[in-house]
Amino acid sequence: MNTTTNVYIVHTYNKGHPEQNRFHGVYSSKELADAAGKDYCETWGDNLHYTVIISALDDIINGVHISELR
């Protein structure tokens, strides 16, 4: 059984203006993260892009801390 709780972190970035790159938000699902990233980029400009980073909450994967998996 999978006991991993994932969080999905969204960053938006502008290739032409790196100083405008920013953390956008944290979401409970990939679908919500993608929707938020797309919506932000469509609302604020054509030069924007987004990435979604998936991370295990508290670095625990299936009940085992990530340090024990290395």
Protein backbone atom coordinates (compact mmCIF):
# COMPACT_ATOMS: atom_id res chain seq x y z
CA MET A 1 0.00 0.00 0.00
CA ASN A 2 1.29 3.45 -0.90
CA THR A 3 1.51 5.65 2.22
CA THR A 4 3.33 8.52 0.55
CA THR A 5 1.76 11.97 0.72
CA ASN A 6 2.92 14.08 -2.19
CA VAL A 7 2.83 17.84 -2.53
CA TYR A 8 2.98 19.58 -5.90
CA ILE A 9 4.93 22.84 -5.99
CA VAL A 10 4.40 25.32 -8.84
CA HIS A 11 7.03 27.82 -9.99
CA THR A 12 6.42 30.32 -12.75
CA TYR A 13 9.26 31.80 -14.74
CA ASN A 14 9.88 34.32 -17.46
CA LYS A 15 12.82 33.51 -19.76
CA GLY A 16 13.24 37.16 -20.74
CA HIS A 17 13.21 38.48 -17.17
CA PRO A 18 14.65 35.96 -14.67
CA GLU A 19 14.13 38.42 -11.81
CA GLN A 20 10.39 37.80 -12.26
CA ASN A 21 10.67 34.06 -11.57
CA ARG A 22 8.60 33.17 -8.55
CA PHE A 23 7.15 30.50 -6.33
CA HIS A 24 3.47 30.26 -7.17
CA GLY A 25 1.88 27.75 -4.77
CA VAL A 26 1.60 24.25 -3.30
CA TYR A 27 -1.20 21.88 -4.31
CA SER A 28 -2.53 18.49 -3.28
CA SER A 29 -2.70 17.03 -6.80
CA LYS A 30 -0.91 17.26 -10.13
CA GLU A 31 -4.16 18.27 -11.82
CA LEU A 32 -4.67 21.25 -9.47
CA ALA A 33 -1.02 22.30 -9.84
CA ASP A 34 -1.19 22.14 -13.65
CA ALA A 35 -4.44 24.12 -13.71
CA ALA A 36 -2.98 26.82 -11.45
CA GLY A 37 0.22 27.09 -13.49
CA LYS A 38 -1.67 27.28 -16.79
CA ASP A 39 -4.15 29.82 -15.45
CA TYR A 40 -1.40 32.07 -14.10
CA CYS A 41 0.54 31.97 -17.37
CA GLU A 42 -2.56 32.63 -19.51
CA THR A 43 -3.60 35.52 -17.27
CA TRP A 44 -0.25 37.31 -16.95
CA GLY A 45 1.54 36.89 -20.27
CA ASP A 46 2.81 34.88 -23.19
CA ASN A 47 6.45 34.77 -22.03
CA LEU A 48 5.58 32.92 -18.83
CA HIS A 49 6.10 29.22 -18.28
CA TYR A 50 5.58 27.01 -15.26
CA THR A 51 7.05 23.88 -13.72
CA VAL A 52 5.54 21.46 -11.22
CA ILE A 53 7.86 19.81 -8.70
CA ILE A 54 6.56 16.70 -6.94
CA SER A 55 7.90 16.18 -3.43
CA ALA A 56 7.12 13.64 -0.72
CA LEU A 57 5.77 15.34 2.41
CA ASP A 58 8.35 15.19 5.25
CA ASP A 59 10.62 13.19 2.89
CA ILE A 60 8.72 10.00 3.81
CA ILE A 61 8.10 7.53 0.98
CA ASN A 62 5.90 4.51 1.80
CA GLY A 63 6.58 4.97 5.51
CA VAL A 64 10.37 5.14 5.12
CA HIS A 65 12.40 8.35 5.43
CA ILE A 66 14.23 9.19 2.20
CA SER A 67 17.63 9.09 3.97
CA GLU A 68 17.11 5.36 4.58
CA LEU A 69 16.47 4.73 0.87
CA ARG A 70 19.85 5.99 -0.33
